[in-house]
Amino acid sequence: MAVGLHFLPFAAAFRAPVFRVLGAAVASVGVVGLVLGLLVGPSAAAEAAVVAGLVMLVLMTVDARHD
């Protein structure tokens, strides 16, 4: 969640909307991972971290191909 949130100020600082999308998506996956970690167990939180990394990779790839 913290990794996603730290991208949000970058959107304004670098005038790059991709950081807003990236930050919101990764933070959302982080919140879900946090809740699942509390309800299901640590392995669910670790799996959410992998999903967050994949989301980040996909969004960066899509943005790079846009330019």
C-alpha atoms as a PDB file:
ATOM      1  CA  MET A   1       0.000   0.000   0.000  1.00  0.00           C
ATOM      2  CA  ALA A   2       2.795   2.394   0.899  1.00  0.00           C
ATOM      3  CA  VAL A   3       4.556   1.776  -2.401  1.00  0.00           C
ATOM      4  CA  GLY A   4       1.425   2.773  -4.291  1.00  0.00           C
ATOM      5  CA  LEU A   5       0.786   5.845  -2.185  1.00  0.00           C
ATOM      6  CA  HIS A   6       4.292   7.170  -2.683  1.00  0.00           C
ATOM      7  CA  PHE A   7       3.626   7.439  -6.436  1.00  0.00           C
ATOM      8  CA  LEU A   8       0.699   9.838  -6.010  1.00  0.00           C
ATOM      9  CA  PRO A   9       2.747  12.991  -5.321  1.00  0.00           C
ATOM     10  CA  PHE A  10       4.900  12.148  -8.348  1.00  0.00           C
ATOM     11  CA  ALA A  11       1.901  12.728 -10.639  1.00  0.00           C
ATOM     12  CA  ALA A  12       1.859  16.421  -9.763  1.00  0.00           C
ATOM     13  CA  ALA A  13       5.589  16.853  -9.282  1.00  0.00           C
ATOM     14  CA  PHE A  14       6.503  15.411 -12.679  1.00  0.00           C
ATOM     15  CA  ARG A  15       3.234  16.258 -14.447  1.00  0.00           C
ATOM     16  CA  ALA A  16       2.860  12.614 -15.366  1.00  0.00           C
ATOM     17  CA  PRO A  17      -0.676  11.236 -14.952  1.00  0.00           C
ATOM     18  CA  VAL A  18       0.636   7.685 -15.237  1.00  0.00           C
ATOM     19  CA  PHE A  19       1.863   7.980 -11.644  1.00  0.00           C
ATOM     20  CA  ARG A  20      -1.678   8.722 -10.445  1.00  0.00           C
ATOM     21  CA  VAL A  21      -3.010   5.592 -12.157  1.00  0.00           C
ATOM     22  CA  LEU A  22      -0.038   3.515 -11.032  1.00  0.00           C
ATOM     23  CA  GLY A  23      -0.247   4.766  -7.456  1.00  0.00           C
ATOM     24  CA  ALA A  24      -3.985   4.201  -7.160  1.00  0.00           C
ATOM     25  CA  ALA A  25      -3.789   0.707  -8.654  1.00  0.00           C
ATOM     26  CA  VAL A  26      -0.859  -0.469  -6.540  1.00  0.00           C
ATOM     27  CA  ALA A  27      -2.286   1.101  -3.365  1.00  0.00           C
ATOM     28  CA  SER A  28      -5.624  -0.618  -4.016  1.00  0.00           C
ATOM     29  CA  VAL A  29      -3.953  -3.996  -4.397  1.00  0.00           C
ATOM     30  CA  GLY A  30      -2.014  -3.210  -1.225  1.00  0.00           C
ATOM     31  CA  VAL A  31      -5.188  -2.523   0.750  1.00  0.00           C
ATOM     32  CA  VAL A  32      -6.707  -5.775  -0.476  1.00  0.00           C
ATOM     33  CA  GLY A  33      -3.482  -7.578   0.457  1.00  0.00           C
ATOM     34  CA  LEU A  34      -3.508  -6.016   3.908  1.00  0.00           C
ATOM     35  CA  VAL A  35      -7.082  -7.119   4.540  1.00  0.00           C
ATOM     36  CA  LEU A  36      -6.463 -10.592   3.148  1.00  0.00           C
ATOM     37  CA  GLY A  37      -3.309 -10.863   5.241  1.00  0.00           C
ATOM     38  CA  LEU A  38      -5.309 -10.120   8.366  1.00  0.00           C
ATOM     39  CA  LEU A  39      -8.202 -12.406   7.470  1.00  0.00           C
ATOM     40  CA  VAL A  40      -6.495 -15.295   5.687  1.00  0.00           C
ATOM     41  CA  GLY A  41      -2.855 -15.186   6.669  1.00  0.00           C
ATOM     42  CA  PRO A  42       0.565 -13.933   5.646  1.00  0.00           C
ATOM     43  CA  SER A  43       0.709 -15.961   2.448  1.00  0.00           C
ATOM     44  CA  ALA A  44      -2.286 -14.043   1.074  1.00  0.00           C
ATOM     45  CA  ALA A  45      -0.494 -10.766   1.745  1.00  0.00           C
ATOM     46  CA  ALA A  46       2.612 -12.055  -0.014  1.00  0.00           C
ATOM     47  CA  GLU A  47       0.540 -13.103  -3.010  1.00  0.00           C
ATOM     48  CA  ALA A  48      -1.011  -9.633  -3.152  1.00  0.00           C
ATOM     49  CA  ALA A  49       2.497  -8.152  -3.198  1.00  0.00           C
ATOM     50  CA  VAL A  50       3.284 -10.263  -6.268  1.00  0.00           C
ATOM     51  CA  VAL A  51       0.053  -9.079  -7.909  1.00  0.00           C
ATOM     52  CA  ALA A  52       0.971  -5.471  -7.115  1.00  0.00           C
ATOM     53  CA  GLY A  53       4.324  -5.969  -8.806  1.00  0.00           C
ATOM     54  CA  LEU A  54       2.653  -7.446 -11.880  1.00  0.00           C
ATOM     55  CA  VAL A  55       0.176  -4.555 -12.003  1.00  0.00           C
ATOM     56  CA  MET A  56       3.093  -2.130 -11.823  1.00  0.00           C
ATOM     57  CA  LEU A  57       4.924  -3.951 -14.613  1.00  0.00           C
ATOM     58  CA  VAL A  58       1.854  -3.980 -16.870  1.00  0.00           C
ATOM     59  CA  LEU A  59       1.046  -0.315 -16.307  1.00  0.00           C
ATOM     60  CA  MET A  60       4.635   0.774 -16.929  1.00  0.00           C
ATOM     61  CA  THR A  61       4.747  -1.321 -20.107  1.00  0.00           C
ATOM     62  CA  VAL A  62       1.487   0.149 -21.376  1.00  0.00           C
ATOM     63  CA  ASP A  63       2.707   3.676 -20.648  1.00  0.00           C
ATOM     64  CA  ALA A  64       6.062   3.056 -22.330  1.00  0.00           C
ATOM     65  CA  ARG A  65       4.364   1.754 -25.451  1.00  0.00           C
ATOM     66  CA  HIS A  66       2.102   4.829 -25.536  1.00  0.00           C
ATOM     67  CA  ASP A  67       4.999   7.210 -26.152  1.00  0.00           C
END
